[in-house]
Every structure is written in structure tokens, then in C-alpha cells.
Amino acid sequence: MLTHQELKSRALERADVKAEYDRLGEVFALLDEFLKARAAAGMTQAEIARRIGTTQSAVARLESGG
């Protein structure tokens, strides 16, 4: 069974996958910063949702890149 890193490395050997991965780099960086900020604040998805006027499931979708 492949580890996540092994799968990622293999996938990025394909030019089409690498191009799409690179194109999404800024989105991944934004999501990473959002997750780090929430963790640093010690807040749950539900708490974030209440503060921004949405639902916990919407925050979960945002964090998963959906």
C-alpha cells in the first residue's frame, strides 16, 4: 500500500497532474493558512461558522477545498 507521500510523488510525475497541482498552489496555501489560524485560535468549525454567519458544514467544505 502506498503512503500519501508516495502516491503524491507518483502522481506529480505526470505532466497533466503537475500542471493542475501547480495551478491550485495558491488555493492550497490559502486553505493551509485558514486551518492554521483556526487551530491557533483554538476554535472549532462551529465557532467559526457562528462568527461568519454560516453553518459548520459550510466551514468543513471550505477546509476540505470543496
Protein backbone atom coordinates (compact mmCIF):
# COMPACT_ATOMS: atom_id res chain seq x y z
CA MET A 1 0.00 0.00 0.00
CA LEU A 2 1.33 3.43 -0.95
CA THR A 3 1.75 6.18 1.59
CA HIS A 4 0.23 9.56 0.86
CA GLN A 5 3.67 10.98 0.01
CA GLU A 6 4.47 8.09 -2.35
CA LEU A 7 1.13 8.49 -4.12
CA LYS A 8 1.66 12.24 -4.42
CA SER A 9 5.17 11.78 -5.80
CA ARG A 10 3.99 9.28 -8.39
CA ALA A 11 1.05 11.42 -9.41
CA LEU A 12 3.22 14.53 -9.82
CA GLU A 13 5.41 12.66 -12.30
CA ARG A 14 2.54 13.10 -14.79
CA ALA A 15 2.73 16.45 -16.56
CA ASP A 16 -1.05 16.98 -16.53
CA VAL A 17 -1.32 16.29 -12.80
CA LYS A 18 1.70 18.51 -12.03
CA ALA A 19 0.26 21.38 -14.07
CA GLU A 20 -3.07 21.23 -12.23
CA TYR A 21 -1.35 20.86 -8.85
CA ASP A 22 0.79 23.93 -9.57
CA ARG A 23 -2.27 25.87 -10.77
CA LEU A 24 -4.00 25.18 -7.45
CA GLY A 25 -0.99 26.11 -5.33
CA GLU A 26 -2.46 29.42 -4.17
CA VAL A 27 -5.74 27.75 -3.18
CA PHE A 28 -3.86 25.11 -1.17
CA ALA A 29 -1.81 27.84 0.53
CA LEU A 30 -4.95 29.79 1.47
CA LEU A 31 -6.63 26.70 2.90
CA ASP A 32 -3.49 25.86 4.86
CA GLU A 33 -3.40 29.36 6.38
CA PHE A 34 -7.10 29.17 7.25
CA LEU A 35 -6.61 25.85 9.04
CA LYS A 36 -3.53 27.12 10.89
CA ALA A 37 -5.35 30.28 12.00
CA ARG A 38 -8.35 28.31 13.29
CA ALA A 39 -6.07 25.91 15.16
CA ALA A 40 -4.02 28.76 16.63
CA ALA A 41 -7.22 30.45 17.81
CA GLY A 42 -8.38 27.16 19.33
CA MET A 43 -11.73 27.45 17.60
CA THR A 44 -14.00 24.74 16.27
CA GLN A 45 -15.62 24.76 12.86
CA ALA A 46 -18.93 25.52 14.59
CA GLU A 47 -17.45 28.56 16.35
CA ILE A 48 -16.01 29.89 13.11
CA ALA A 49 -19.34 29.31 11.38
CA ARG A 50 -21.24 31.29 14.03
CA ARG A 51 -18.79 34.19 13.75
CA ILE A 52 -19.05 34.45 9.98
CA GLY A 53 -22.76 33.69 9.78
CA THR A 54 -22.76 30.31 8.11
CA THR A 55 -23.02 26.63 9.03
CA GLN A 56 -20.42 24.24 10.38
CA SER A 57 -20.85 22.09 7.28
CA ALA A 58 -20.01 25.08 5.06
CA VAL A 59 -16.79 25.64 7.02
CA ALA A 60 -15.97 21.92 6.71
CA ARG A 61 -16.46 22.13 2.93
CA LEU A 62 -14.23 25.20 2.78
CA GLU A 63 -11.50 23.46 4.75
CA SER A 64 -11.63 20.41 2.55
CA GLY A 65 -11.31 22.52 -0.57
CA GLY A 66 -14.88 21.91 -1.65
